[in-house]
Amino acid sequence: MTSAMSGLSGRRGQAARNDEVILTAAREVFLANPSAPIAAVAERAGVGISALYRRYSSKEELLRTLCHDGLRRYIAEAEAAAAESDDWRAFATFVERIVAADVHSLTVHLAGTFTPTEQMGRDAVRANQLAEALMRRAHRSGRLRSDVVTPDLILLLEGCAAVRVPDSDRTAALRRRYLAVHLAGWAAQDAGELPGPPPTADELNWRWQRP
């Protein structure tokens, strides 16, 4: 339970606890099967379907909330990493924490399944600005190779999120393993040029377009 929730009492506290249960269940259900019906979330959460609909009027609203929560977590981790004095460590710590939080599993599985709000758009811009600032610091440190750019980071995070085995602890360990391999390669300043141009904004954004 979050500290904010623990400070609530009565009906507000119960509502917050119920909401956390619903969102946790929704994440588990939709990461396993994005096409699952909202009734599967109610069953996993142990709440009635009417109770779920009182909180979320549609599956799309629930999906949107899940992804927006992930975006907010990304922003919070980037802001926390910015306080690190060592430029390379700030960047590496940020990436490690985002992979540990499994934020990008939502992107990999749920992109294009809902229409983002204007606030999500503003938060996405903010998230990108924060990540770019951390990468600029890492570049200035001389540790991050100069031909790695922010869109590369997005695909790196999604690639780590795609690593998944039935055991959750092994999944986390394997993600840390392959992230370490990537970061070692990104810090190899004496390596040759990367093949081809980096991904473009259009190549990353097409997934969020509704069919």
Protein backbone atom coordinates (compact mmCIF):
# COMPACT_ATOMS: atom_id res chain seq x y z
CA MET A 1 0.00 0.00 0.00
CA THR A 2 1.30 3.46 -0.87
CA SER A 3 1.96 6.03 1.83
CA ALA A 4 -0.68 8.31 0.32
CA MET A 5 -3.25 5.56 0.60
CA SER A 6 -2.28 4.67 4.16
CA GLY A 7 -3.03 8.26 5.18
CA LEU A 8 -6.64 7.97 4.03
CA SER A 9 -9.40 6.65 6.22
CA GLY A 10 -13.00 5.59 5.94
CA ARG A 11 -14.64 5.45 2.54
CA ARG A 12 -11.84 7.35 0.81
CA GLY A 13 -9.24 4.93 2.08
CA GLN A 14 -11.30 1.92 1.06
CA ALA A 15 -11.92 3.41 -2.38
CA ALA A 16 -8.18 4.00 -2.83
CA ARG A 17 -7.38 0.45 -1.77
CA ASN A 18 -10.02 -0.94 -4.13
CA ASP A 19 -8.62 1.14 -6.96
CA GLU A 20 -5.10 -0.17 -6.38
CA VAL A 21 -6.41 -3.75 -6.42
CA ILE A 22 -8.25 -3.09 -9.68
CA LEU A 23 -5.25 -1.48 -11.37
CA THR A 24 -2.91 -4.27 -10.25
CA ALA A 25 -5.33 -6.85 -11.60
CA ALA A 26 -5.79 -4.91 -14.84
CA ARG A 27 -2.05 -4.74 -15.39
CA GLU A 28 -1.70 -8.50 -14.91
CA VAL A 29 -4.67 -9.31 -17.13
CA PHE A 30 -3.87 -6.97 -20.01
CA LEU A 31 -0.15 -7.70 -20.08
CA ALA A 32 -1.06 -11.36 -20.49
CA ASN A 33 -3.78 -10.64 -23.05
CA PRO A 34 -4.55 -7.08 -24.26
CA SER A 35 -7.78 -8.38 -25.82
CA ALA A 36 -9.12 -9.74 -22.52
CA PRO A 37 -12.57 -8.46 -21.51
CA ILE A 38 -12.94 -6.09 -18.60
CA ALA A 39 -14.84 -8.84 -16.77
CA ALA A 40 -11.53 -10.70 -16.48
CA VAL A 41 -10.15 -7.76 -14.52
CA ALA A 42 -13.10 -7.80 -12.13
CA GLU A 43 -12.63 -11.52 -11.58
CA ARG A 44 -8.88 -11.17 -10.97
CA ALA A 45 -9.46 -8.23 -8.59
CA GLY A 46 -12.22 -10.03 -6.72
CA VAL A 47 -14.74 -7.22 -7.23
CA GLY A 48 -18.12 -7.12 -8.90
CA ILE A 49 -18.31 -5.88 -12.47
CA SER A 50 -20.66 -3.08 -11.39
CA ALA A 51 -18.10 -1.90 -8.82
CA LEU A 52 -15.42 -1.82 -11.51
CA TYR A 53 -17.62 0.13 -13.90
CA ARG A 54 -18.38 2.68 -11.20
CA ARG A 55 -14.66 3.46 -11.14
CA TYR A 56 -13.87 2.97 -14.85
CA SER A 57 -16.63 3.51 -17.36
CA SER A 58 -14.93 1.47 -20.09
CA LYS A 59 -12.03 -0.82 -20.85
CA GLU A 60 -10.43 2.03 -22.78
CA GLU A 61 -10.48 4.27 -19.72
CA LEU A 62 -8.85 1.53 -17.67
CA LEU A 63 -6.14 0.98 -20.29
CA ARG A 64 -5.53 4.71 -20.48
CA THR A 65 -5.18 4.96 -16.71
CA LEU A 66 -2.68 2.09 -16.63
CA CYS A 67 -0.46 3.68 -19.26
CA HIS A 68 -0.73 7.15 -17.74
CA ASP A 69 0.35 5.75 -14.38
CA GLY A 70 3.37 4.22 -16.11
CA LEU A 71 4.17 7.55 -17.73
CA ARG A 72 4.00 9.31 -14.38
CA ARG A 73 6.35 6.70 -12.89
CA TYR A 74 8.79 7.36 -15.74
CA ILE A 75 8.72 11.08 -15.00
CA ALA A 76 9.19 10.53 -11.26
CA GLU A 77 12.21 8.27 -11.82
CA ALA A 78 13.77 10.74 -14.27
CA GLU A 79 13.32 13.61 -11.81
CA ALA A 80 14.86 11.52 -9.02
CA ALA A 81 17.82 10.51 -11.18
CA ALA A 82 18.48 14.15 -12.08
CA ALA A 83 19.54 14.75 -8.47
CA GLU A 84 22.50 12.36 -8.88
CA SER A 85 25.72 14.37 -9.15
CA ASP A 86 27.61 11.92 -11.39
CA ASP A 87 26.39 12.42 -14.96
CA TRP A 88 26.84 8.83 -16.17
CA ARG A 89 25.50 7.36 -12.93
CA ALA A 90 22.41 9.59 -13.19
CA PHE A 91 21.62 8.19 -16.62
CA ALA A 92 22.43 4.56 -15.78
CA THR A 93 20.47 4.66 -12.53
CA PHE A 94 17.45 6.08 -14.33
CA VAL A 95 17.50 3.34 -16.95
CA GLU A 96 17.97 0.62 -14.34
CA ARG A 97 15.03 1.88 -12.29
CA ILE A 98 12.73 2.13 -15.29
CA VAL A 99 13.55 -1.44 -16.31
CA ALA A 100 12.97 -2.62 -12.73
CA ALA A 101 9.60 -0.84 -12.66
CA ASP A 102 8.58 -2.63 -15.89
CA VAL A 103 7.04 0.57 -17.24
CA HIS A 104 7.53 -0.27 -20.89
CA SER A 105 5.70 -3.58 -20.82
CA LEU A 106 2.59 -1.41 -20.97
CA THR A 107 3.87 0.34 -24.09
CA VAL A 108 4.80 -2.92 -25.79
CA HIS A 109 1.42 -4.52 -25.11
CA LEU A 110 -1.08 -1.66 -25.01
CA ALA A 111 0.06 0.96 -27.56
CA GLY A 112 -2.76 1.72 -29.98
CA THR A 113 -5.49 0.19 -27.80
CA PHE A 114 -6.83 3.54 -26.54
CA THR A 115 -6.86 7.23 -27.40
CA PRO A 116 -4.40 9.23 -25.25
CA THR A 117 -5.65 12.38 -23.51
CA GLU A 118 -4.13 15.83 -23.95
CA GLN A 119 -2.64 15.55 -20.47
CA MET A 120 -0.94 12.31 -21.46
CA GLY A 121 0.49 14.12 -24.46
CA ARG A 122 1.88 16.87 -22.24
CA ASP A 123 3.32 14.31 -19.83
CA ALA A 124 4.90 12.42 -22.72
CA VAL A 125 6.64 15.63 -23.82
CA ARG A 126 7.84 16.19 -20.26
CA ALA A 127 9.10 12.60 -20.00
CA ASN A 128 11.02 12.98 -23.23
CA GLN A 129 12.58 16.26 -22.10
CA LEU A 130 13.76 14.70 -18.85
CA ALA A 131 15.25 11.68 -20.61
CA GLU A 132 17.00 13.92 -23.14
CA ALA A 133 18.50 15.99 -20.31
CA LEU A 134 19.89 12.86 -18.66
CA MET A 135 21.33 11.70 -21.97
CA ARG A 136 22.95 15.09 -22.60
CA ARG A 137 24.65 14.81 -19.22
CA ALA A 138 25.81 11.29 -20.01
CA HIS A 139 27.20 12.50 -23.33
CA ARG A 140 29.04 15.34 -21.60
CA SER A 141 30.56 12.86 -19.17
CA GLY A 142 32.29 11.15 -22.07
CA ARG A 143 30.83 7.79 -21.02
CA LEU A 144 27.89 7.60 -23.44
CA ARG A 145 28.82 7.11 -27.08
CA SER A 146 27.89 10.13 -29.17
CA ASP A 147 25.77 8.27 -31.74
CA VAL A 148 23.21 7.03 -29.18
CA VAL A 149 20.11 9.24 -29.05
CA THR A 150 16.86 9.38 -27.07
CA PRO A 151 14.80 7.23 -29.49
CA ASP A 152 17.46 4.53 -29.06
CA LEU A 153 16.74 4.62 -25.33
CA ILE A 154 13.02 4.07 -25.91
CA LEU A 155 13.63 0.94 -27.96
CA LEU A 156 16.21 -0.29 -25.46
CA LEU A 157 13.65 -0.03 -22.66
CA GLU A 158 11.01 -1.77 -24.75
CA GLY A 159 13.48 -4.50 -25.63
CA CYS A 160 14.18 -5.16 -21.96
CA ALA A 161 10.44 -5.21 -21.25
CA ALA A 162 10.01 -7.88 -23.93
CA VAL A 163 12.24 -10.26 -21.94
CA ARG A 164 9.76 -12.39 -20.01
CA VAL A 165 9.79 -15.94 -18.63
CA PRO A 166 7.20 -17.61 -16.36
CA ASP A 167 9.17 -16.90 -13.18
CA SER A 168 9.02 -13.21 -12.22
CA ASP A 169 12.32 -13.25 -10.33
CA ARG A 170 14.10 -14.79 -13.32
CA THR A 171 12.45 -12.25 -15.59
CA ALA A 172 13.85 -9.42 -13.47
CA ALA A 173 17.30 -11.02 -13.35
CA LEU A 174 17.42 -11.57 -17.11
CA ARG A 175 16.35 -7.99 -17.76
CA ARG A 176 19.16 -6.72 -15.53
CA ARG A 177 21.58 -8.99 -17.39
CA TYR A 178 20.71 -7.75 -20.86
CA LEU A 179 20.46 -4.14 -19.73
CA ALA A 180 24.03 -4.43 -18.42
CA VAL A 181 25.14 -5.76 -21.81
CA HIS A 182 23.48 -2.82 -23.58
CA LEU A 183 24.89 -0.20 -21.24
CA ALA A 184 28.37 -1.66 -21.62
CA GLY A 185 28.02 -1.33 -25.39
CA TRP A 186 26.66 2.20 -25.12
CA ALA A 187 29.68 3.19 -23.04
CA ALA A 188 32.14 1.77 -25.58
CA GLN A 189 33.46 5.03 -27.02
CA ASP A 190 36.18 3.29 -29.03
CA ALA A 191 33.70 1.06 -30.90
CA GLY A 192 32.86 1.58 -34.57
CA GLU A 193 29.85 3.53 -35.77
CA LEU A 194 26.43 2.01 -35.23
CA PRO A 195 24.87 0.67 -38.45
CA GLY A 196 22.12 2.76 -39.99
CA PRO A 197 20.38 5.89 -38.68
CA PRO A 198 18.61 5.96 -35.29
CA PRO A 199 14.83 5.44 -35.08
CA THR A 200 12.70 8.46 -35.97
CA ALA A 201 9.79 9.95 -34.05
CA ASP A 202 7.37 8.71 -36.71
CA GLU A 203 8.72 5.18 -36.38
CA LEU A 204 8.08 5.27 -32.65
CA ASN A 205 4.73 7.07 -32.69
CA TRP A 206 2.86 5.00 -35.29
CA ARG A 207 2.02 2.39 -32.63
CA TRP A 208 -0.11 4.87 -30.71
CA GLN A 209 -2.41 5.50 -33.65
CA ARG A 210 -5.79 3.86 -33.32
CA PRO A 211 -6.57 1.36 -36.13
